[in-house]
Amino acid sequence: MELVEAFKKLVKDHKINTEVRAQKAGCFDVCNFGPAVVVYPEGVFYGSVQMTDVQEIFEEHIQNDRPVQRLILNF
């Protein structure tokens, strides 16, 4: 939940809560790579996400549409 709360705070602080929503979900069958984050509508899965990665994912992917390659899970 710490990761979810960090994403929610960034969304609120940047006043984009009408466009972006952060929420807790099940493991999406990637529990072995957890903690995991998925960004829709692209469906990009990130694995082994740490608190130190939240700001980067938010700035790069959510704000600038540039997925963070080093964290992407390739199935």
PDB file of N, CA and C in Angstrom:
ATOM      1  N   MET A   1       0.810  -1.196   0.000  1.00  0.00           N
ATOM      2  CA  MET A   1       0.000   0.000   0.000  1.00  0.00           C
ATOM      3  C   MET A   1       0.859   1.268   0.000  1.00  0.00           C
ATOM      4  N   GLU A   2       2.096   1.138   0.452  1.00  0.00           N
ATOM      5  CA  GLU A   2       2.984   2.302   0.469  1.00  0.00           C
ATOM      6  C   GLU A   2       3.213   2.840  -0.945  1.00  0.00           C
ATOM      7  N   LEU A   3       3.387   1.927  -1.907  1.00  0.00           N
ATOM      8  CA  LEU A   3       3.561   2.349  -3.301  1.00  0.00           C
ATOM      9  C   LEU A   3       2.303   3.025  -3.823  1.00  0.00           C
ATOM     10  N   VAL A   4       1.151   2.458  -3.536  1.00  0.00           N
ATOM     11  CA  VAL A   4      -0.120   3.023  -3.990  1.00  0.00           C
ATOM     12  C   VAL A   4      -0.290   4.432  -3.429  1.00  0.00           C
ATOM     13  N   GLU A   5      -0.023   4.590  -2.153  1.00  0.00           N
ATOM     14  CA  GLU A   5      -0.168   5.905  -1.529  1.00  0.00           C
ATOM     15  C   GLU A   5       0.790   6.920  -2.137  1.00  0.00           C
ATOM     16  N   ALA A   6       1.993   6.495  -2.477  1.00  0.00           N
ATOM     17  CA  ALA A   6       2.961   7.407  -3.102  1.00  0.00           C
ATOM     18  C   ALA A   6       2.467   7.854  -4.477  1.00  0.00           C
ATOM     19  N   PHE A   7       1.936   6.917  -5.268  1.00  0.00           N
ATOM     20  CA  PHE A   7       1.381   7.289  -6.579  1.00  0.00           C
ATOM     21  C   PHE A   7       0.167   8.208  -6.411  1.00  0.00           C
ATOM     22  N   LYS A   8      -0.709   7.898  -5.455  1.00  0.00           N
ATOM     23  CA  LYS A   8      -1.891   8.729  -5.221  1.00  0.00           C
ATOM     24  C   LYS A   8      -1.496  10.160  -4.853  1.00  0.00           C
ATOM     25  N   LYS A   9      -0.468  10.298  -4.037  1.00  0.00           N
ATOM     26  CA  LYS A   9      -0.008  11.630  -3.637  1.00  0.00           C
ATOM     27  C   LYS A   9       0.503  12.409  -4.848  1.00  0.00           C
ATOM     28  N   LEU A  10       1.273  11.762  -5.714  1.00  0.00           N
ATOM     29  CA  LEU A  10       1.775  12.440  -6.907  1.00  0.00           C
ATOM     30  C   LEU A  10       0.629  12.866  -7.822  1.00  0.00           C
ATOM     31  N   VAL A  11      -0.345  11.985  -7.992  1.00  0.00           N
ATOM     32  CA  VAL A  11      -1.506  12.304  -8.830  1.00  0.00           C
ATOM     33  C   VAL A  11      -2.246  13.515  -8.254  1.00  0.00           C
ATOM     34  N   LYS A  12      -2.466  13.500  -6.955  1.00  0.00           N
ATOM     35  CA  LYS A  12      -3.170  14.611  -6.306  1.00  0.00           C
ATOM     36  C   LYS A  12      -2.348  15.898  -6.374  1.00  0.00           C
ATOM     37  N   ASP A  13      -1.061  15.812  -6.059  1.00  0.00           N
ATOM     38  CA  ASP A  13      -0.198  16.998  -6.056  1.00  0.00           C
ATOM     39  C   ASP A  13      -0.108  17.658  -7.426  1.00  0.00           C
ATOM     40  N   HIS A  14      -0.211  16.832  -8.485  1.00  0.00           N
ATOM     41  CA  HIS A  14      -0.123  17.361  -9.849  1.00  0.00           C
ATOM     42  C   HIS A  14      -1.501  17.651 -10.447  1.00  0.00           C
ATOM     43  N   LYS A  15      -2.536  17.454  -9.620  1.00  0.00           N
ATOM     44  CA  LYS A  15      -3.920  17.766 -10.015  1.00  0.00           C
ATOM     45  C   LYS A  15      -4.348  17.094 -11.328  1.00  0.00           C
ATOM     46  N   ILE A  16      -3.988  15.817 -11.446  1.00  0.00           N
ATOM     47  CA  ILE A  16      -4.389  15.068 -12.643  1.00  0.00           C
ATOM     48  C   ILE A  16      -5.306  13.906 -12.264  1.00  0.00           C
ATOM     49  N   ASN A  17      -6.000  14.033 -11.126  1.00  0.00           N
ATOM     50  CA  ASN A  17      -6.839  12.930 -10.662  1.00  0.00           C
ATOM     51  C   ASN A  17      -8.073  12.689 -11.517  1.00  0.00           C
ATOM     52  N   THR A  18      -8.356  13.554 -12.490  1.00  0.00           N
ATOM     53  CA  THR A  18      -9.452  13.264 -13.416  1.00  0.00           C
ATOM     54  C   THR A  18      -8.959  12.424 -14.588  1.00  0.00           C
ATOM     55  N   GLU A  19      -7.655  12.379 -14.802  1.00  0.00           N
ATOM     56  CA  GLU A  19      -7.069  11.630 -15.911  1.00  0.00           C
ATOM     57  C   GLU A  19      -6.375  10.347 -15.465  1.00  0.00           C
ATOM     58  N   VAL A  20      -5.880  10.332 -14.244  1.00  0.00           N
ATOM     59  CA  VAL A  20      -5.061   9.225 -13.740  1.00  0.00           C
ATOM     60  C   VAL A  20      -5.614   8.767 -12.402  1.00  0.00           C
ATOM     61  N   ARG A  21      -5.614   7.444 -12.217  1.00  0.00           N
ATOM     62  CA  ARG A  21      -6.055   6.890 -10.937  1.00  0.00           C
ATOM     63  C   ARG A  21      -5.059   5.839 -10.486  1.00  0.00           C
ATOM     64  N   ALA A  22      -4.702   5.883  -9.217  1.00  0.00           N
ATOM     65  CA  ALA A  22      -3.816   4.873  -8.629  1.00  0.00           C
ATOM     66  C   ALA A  22      -4.656   4.041  -7.673  1.00  0.00           C
ATOM     67  N   GLN A  23      -4.522   2.721  -7.784  1.00  0.00           N
ATOM     68  CA  GLN A  23      -5.289   1.864  -6.894  1.00  0.00           C
ATOM     69  C   GLN A  23      -4.591   0.530  -6.701  1.00  0.00           C
ATOM     70  N   LYS A  24      -4.916  -0.106  -5.600  1.00  0.00           N
ATOM     71  CA  LYS A  24      -4.401  -1.434  -5.283  1.00  0.00           C
ATOM     72  C   LYS A  24      -5.133  -2.451  -6.140  1.00  0.00           C
ATOM     73  N   ALA A  25      -4.416  -3.495  -6.548  1.00  0.00           N
ATOM     74  CA  ALA A  25      -5.031  -4.568  -7.329  1.00  0.00           C
ATOM     75  C   ALA A  25      -4.394  -5.889  -6.936  1.00  0.00           C
ATOM     76  N   GLY A  26      -4.910  -6.965  -7.497  1.00  0.00           N
ATOM     77  CA  GLY A  26      -4.317  -8.275  -7.276  1.00  0.00           C
ATOM     78  C   GLY A  26      -2.957  -8.358  -7.946  1.00  0.00           C
ATOM     79  N   CYS A  27      -2.422  -9.533  -8.008  1.00  0.00           N
ATOM     80  CA  CYS A  27      -1.045  -9.667  -8.494  1.00  0.00           C
ATOM     81  C   CYS A  27      -0.933  -9.773 -10.013  1.00  0.00           C
ATOM     82  N   PHE A  28      -2.037  -9.793 -10.745  1.00  0.00           N
ATOM     83  CA  PHE A  28      -2.007  -9.865 -12.211  1.00  0.00           C
ATOM     84  C   PHE A  28      -1.174 -11.044 -12.722  1.00  0.00           C
ATOM     85  N   ASP A  29      -1.062 -12.086 -11.929  1.00  0.00           N
ATOM     86  CA  ASP A  29      -0.247 -13.264 -12.261  1.00  0.00           C
ATOM     87  C   ASP A  29       1.236 -12.943 -12.424  1.00  0.00           C
ATOM     88  N   VAL A  30       1.700 -11.871 -11.787  1.00  0.00           N
ATOM     89  CA  VAL A  30       3.124 -11.534 -11.816  1.00  0.00           C
ATOM     90  C   VAL A  30       3.662 -11.372 -10.393  1.00  0.00           C
ATOM     91  N   CYS A  31       3.058 -12.075  -9.452  1.00  0.00           N
ATOM     92  CA  CYS A  31       3.454 -11.955  -8.043  1.00  0.00           C
ATOM     93  C   CYS A  31       4.940 -12.253  -7.821  1.00  0.00           C
ATOM     94  N   ASN A  32       5.482 -13.140  -8.625  1.00  0.00           N
ATOM     95  CA  ASN A  32       6.898 -13.491  -8.479  1.00  0.00           C
ATOM     96  C   ASN A  32       7.825 -12.333  -8.811  1.00  0.00           C
ATOM     97  N   PHE A  33       7.303 -11.306  -9.462  1.00  0.00           N
ATOM     98  CA  PHE A  33       8.104 -10.149  -9.857  1.00  0.00           C
ATOM     99  C   PHE A  33       7.770  -8.918  -9.009  1.00  0.00           C
ATOM    100  N   GLY A  34       7.040  -9.134  -7.942  1.00  0.00           N
ATOM    101  CA  GLY A  34       6.510  -8.027  -7.153  1.00  0.00           C
ATOM    102  C   GLY A  34       7.538  -7.294  -6.344  1.00  0.00           C
ATOM    103  N   PRO A  35       7.151  -6.166  -5.830  1.00  0.00           N
ATOM    104  CA  PRO A  35       5.901  -5.486  -6.111  1.00  0.00           C
ATOM    105  C   PRO A  35       5.822  -5.058  -7.575  1.00  0.00           C
ATOM    106  N   ALA A  36       4.631  -5.168  -8.119  1.00  0.00           N
ATOM    107  CA  ALA A  36       4.433  -4.866  -9.535  1.00  0.00           C
ATOM    108  C   ALA A  36       3.491  -3.679  -9.693  1.00  0.00           C
ATOM    109  N   VAL A  37       3.685  -2.958 -10.778  1.00  0.00           N
ATOM    110  CA  VAL A  37       2.846  -1.817 -11.134  1.00  0.00           C
ATOM    111  C   VAL A  37       2.499  -1.979 -12.602  1.00  0.00           C
ATOM    112  N   VAL A  38       1.258  -1.689 -12.959  1.00  0.00           N
ATOM    113  CA  VAL A  38       0.870  -1.714 -14.363  1.00  0.00           C
ATOM    114  C   VAL A  38       0.276  -0.363 -14.718  1.00  0.00           C
ATOM    115  N   VAL A  39       0.644   0.139 -15.887  1.00  0.00           N
ATOM    116  CA  VAL A  39       0.138   1.419 -16.374  1.00  0.00           C
ATOM    117  C   VAL A  39      -0.742   1.133 -17.588  1.00  0.00           C
ATOM    118  N   TYR A  40      -2.004   1.530 -17.468  1.00  0.00           N
ATOM    119  CA  TYR A  40      -2.952   1.400 -18.567  1.00  0.00           C
ATOM    120  C   TYR A  40      -3.214   2.770 -19.160  1.00  0.00           C
ATOM    121  N   PRO A  41      -3.581   2.910 -20.406  1.00  0.00           N
ATOM    122  CA  PRO A  41      -4.084   1.865 -21.282  1.00  0.00           C
ATOM    123  C   PRO A  41      -2.989   1.077 -21.999  1.00  0.00           C
ATOM    124  N   GLU A  42      -1.731   1.475 -21.853  1.00  0.00           N
ATOM    125  CA  GLU A  42      -0.658   0.785 -22.568  1.00  0.00           C
ATOM    126  C   GLU A  42      -0.470  -0.655 -22.115  1.00  0.00           C
ATOM    127  N   GLY A  43      -0.787  -0.940 -20.851  1.00  0.00           N
ATOM    128  CA  GLY A  43      -0.594  -2.285 -20.324  1.00  0.00           C
ATOM    129  C   GLY A  43       0.862  -2.594 -20.062  1.00  0.00           C
ATOM    130  N   VAL A  44       1.634  -1.597 -19.689  1.00  0.00           N
ATOM    131  CA  VAL A  44       3.053  -1.786 -19.384  1.00  0.00           C
ATOM    132  C   VAL A  44       3.169  -2.248 -17.934  1.00  0.00           C
ATOM    133  N   PHE A  45       3.823  -3.396 -17.744  1.00  0.00           N
ATOM    134  CA  PHE A  45       4.026  -3.953 -16.413  1.00  0.00           C
ATOM    135  C   PHE A  45       5.443  -3.653 -15.949  1.00  0.00           C
ATOM    136  N   TYR A  46       5.541  -3.182 -14.715  1.00  0.00           N
ATOM    137  CA  TYR A  46       6.833  -2.944 -14.072  1.00  0.00           C
ATOM    138  C   TYR A  46       6.980  -3.917 -12.923  1.00  0.00           C
ATOM    139  N   GLY A  47       8.170  -4.468 -12.750  1.00  0.00           N
ATOM    140  CA  GLY A  47       8.413  -5.416 -11.674  1.00  0.00           C
ATOM    141  C   GLY A  47       9.487  -4.951 -10.719  1.00  0.00           C
ATOM    142  N   SER A  48       9.451  -5.526  -9.522  1.00  0.00           N
ATOM    143  CA  SER A  48      10.393  -5.201  -8.442  1.00  0.00           C
ATOM    144  C   SER A  48      10.430  -3.700  -8.172  1.00  0.00           C
ATOM    145  N   VAL A  49       9.276  -3.079  -8.211  1.00  0.00           N
ATOM    146  CA  VAL A  49       9.182  -1.632  -8.014  1.00  0.00           C
ATOM    147  C   VAL A  49       9.415  -1.297  -6.542  1.00  0.00           C
ATOM    148  N   GLN A  50      10.268  -0.332  -6.319  1.00  0.00           N
ATOM    149  CA  GLN A  50      10.582   0.146  -4.976  1.00  0.00           C
ATOM    150  C   GLN A  50      10.101   1.588  -4.839  1.00  0.00           C
ATOM    151  N   MET A  51      10.026   2.078  -3.623  1.00  0.00           N
ATOM    152  CA  MET A  51       9.612   3.460  -3.393  1.00  0.00           C
ATOM    153  C   MET A  51      10.493   4.432  -4.179  1.00  0.00           C
ATOM    154  N   THR A  52      11.736   4.105  -4.331  1.00  0.00           N
ATOM    155  CA  THR A  52      12.657   4.987  -5.056  1.00  0.00           C
ATOM    156  C   THR A  52      12.347   5.047  -6.547  1.00  0.00           C
ATOM    157  N   ASP A  53      11.509   4.136  -7.059  1.00  0.00           N
ATOM    158  CA  ASP A  53      11.137   4.107  -8.478  1.00  0.00           C
ATOM    159  C   ASP A  53       9.853   4.877  -8.778  1.00  0.00           C
ATOM    160  N   VAL A  54       9.068   5.178  -7.773  1.00  0.00           N
ATOM    161  CA  VAL A  54       7.744   5.780  -7.976  1.00  0.00           C
ATOM    162  C   VAL A  54       7.840   7.117  -8.713  1.00  0.00           C
ATOM    163  N   GLN A  55       8.687   7.998  -8.258  1.00  0.00           N
ATOM    164  CA  GLN A  55       8.824   9.319  -8.882  1.00  0.00           C
ATOM    165  C   GLN A  55       9.229   9.184 -10.350  1.00  0.00           C
ATOM    166  N   GLU A  56      10.170   8.281 -10.630  1.00  0.00           N
ATOM    167  CA  GLU A  56      10.625   8.087 -12.014  1.00  0.00           C
ATOM    168  C   GLU A  56       9.506   7.562 -12.903  1.00  0.00           C
ATOM    169  N   ILE A  57       8.766   6.572 -12.448  1.00  0.00           N
ATOM    170  CA  ILE A  57       7.655   6.029 -13.228  1.00  0.00           C
ATOM    171  C   ILE A  57       6.623   7.125 -13.469  1.00  0.00           C
ATOM    172  N   PHE A  58       6.324   7.886 -12.433  1.00  0.00           N
ATOM    173  CA  PHE A  58       5.332   8.954 -12.572  1.00  0.00           C
ATOM    174  C   PHE A  58       5.793  10.004 -13.590  1.00  0.00           C
ATOM    175  N   GLU A  59       7.000  10.512 -13.406  1.00  0.00           N
ATOM    176  CA  GLU A  59       7.486  11.577 -14.292  1.00  0.00           C
ATOM    177  C   GLU A  59       7.706  11.092 -15.718  1.00  0.00           C
ATOM    178  N   GLU A  60       8.369   9.964 -15.849  1.00  0.00           N
ATOM    179  CA  GLU A  60       8.718   9.490 -17.189  1.00  0.00           C
ATOM    180  C   GLU A  60       7.520   8.908 -17.938  1.00  0.00           C
ATOM    181  N   HIS A  61       6.830   7.960 -17.309  1.00  0.00           N
ATOM    182  CA  HIS A  61       5.768   7.259 -18.034  1.00  0.00           C
ATOM    183  C   HIS A  61       4.438   8.006 -17.996  1.00  0.00           C
ATOM    184  N   ILE A  62       3.987   8.333 -16.810  1.00  0.00           N
ATOM    185  CA  ILE A  62       2.653   8.917 -16.697  1.00  0.00           C
ATOM    186  C   ILE A  62       2.613  10.345 -17.250  1.00  0.00           C
ATOM    187  N   GLN A  63       3.607  11.145 -16.930  1.00  0.00           N
ATOM    188  CA  GLN A  63       3.593  12.527 -17.401  1.00  0.00           C
ATOM    189  C   GLN A  63       4.148  12.692 -18.811  1.00  0.00           C
ATOM    190  N   ASN A  64       5.159  11.899 -19.173  1.00  0.00           N
ATOM    191  CA  ASN A  64       5.850  12.128 -20.448  1.00  0.00           C
ATOM    192  C   ASN A  64       5.763  10.976 -21.441  1.00  0.00           C
ATOM    193  N   ASP A  65       4.950   9.955 -21.117  1.00  0.00           N
ATOM    194  CA  ASP A  65       4.712   8.836 -22.031  1.00  0.00           C
ATOM    195  C   ASP A  65       5.997   8.145 -22.482  1.00  0.00           C
ATOM    196  N   ARG A  66       6.958   8.029 -21.550  1.00  0.00           N
ATOM    197  CA  ARG A  66       8.214   7.325 -21.822  1.00  0.00           C
ATOM    198  C   ARG A  66       8.371   6.214 -20.787  1.00  0.00           C
ATOM    199  N   PRO A  67       8.012   4.989 -21.141  1.00  0.00           N
ATOM    200  CA  PRO A  67       8.145   3.885 -20.184  1.00  0.00           C
ATOM    201  C   PRO A  67       9.575   3.770 -19.654  1.00  0.00           C
ATOM    202  N   VAL A  68       9.682   3.355 -18.409  1.00  0.00           N
ATOM    203  CA  VAL A  68      10.970   3.181 -17.740  1.00  0.00           C
ATOM    204  C   VAL A  68      11.490   1.788 -18.089  1.00  0.00           C
ATOM    205  N   GLN A  69      12.341   1.721 -19.084  1.00  0.00           N
ATOM    206  CA  GLN A  69      12.788   0.448 -19.662  1.00  0.00           C
ATOM    207  C   GLN A  69      13.400  -0.503 -18.649  1.00  0.00           C
ATOM    208  N   ARG A  70      14.178  -0.003 -17.712  1.00  0.00           N
ATOM    209  CA  ARG A  70      14.894  -0.881 -16.776  1.00  0.00           C
ATOM    210  C   ARG A  70      13.962  -1.645 -15.831  1.00  0.00           C
ATOM    211  N   LEU A  71      12.712  -1.210 -15.712  1.00  0.00           N
ATOM    212  CA  LEU A  71      11.765  -1.859 -14.810  1.00  0.00           C
ATOM    213  C   LEU A  71      10.697  -2.689 -15.517  1.00  0.00           C
ATOM    214  N   ILE A  72      10.642  -2.612 -16.838  1.00  0.00           N
ATOM    215  CA  ILE A  72       9.587  -3.296 -17.581  1.00  0.00           C
ATOM    216  C   ILE A  72       9.735  -4.811 -17.493  1.00  0.00           C
ATOM    217  N   LEU A  73       8.608  -5.473 -17.237  1.00  0.00           N
ATOM    218  CA  LEU A  73       8.553  -6.935 -17.258  1.00  0.00           C
ATOM    219  C   LEU A  73       8.242  -7.375 -18.673  1.00  0.00           C
ATOM    220  N   ASN A  74       9.079  -8.197 -19.219  1.00  0.00           N
ATOM    221  CA  ASN A  74       8.848  -8.753 -20.570  1.00  0.00           C
ATOM    222  C   ASN A  74       8.401 -10.198 -20.427  1.00  0.00           C
ATOM    223  N   PHE A  75       7.205 -10.478 -20.901  1.00  0.00           N
ATOM    224  CA  PHE A  75       6.666 -11.851 -20.788  1.00  0.00           C
ATOM    225  C   PHE A  75       6.946 -12.619 -22.052  1.00  0.00           C
TER     226      PHE A  75
END
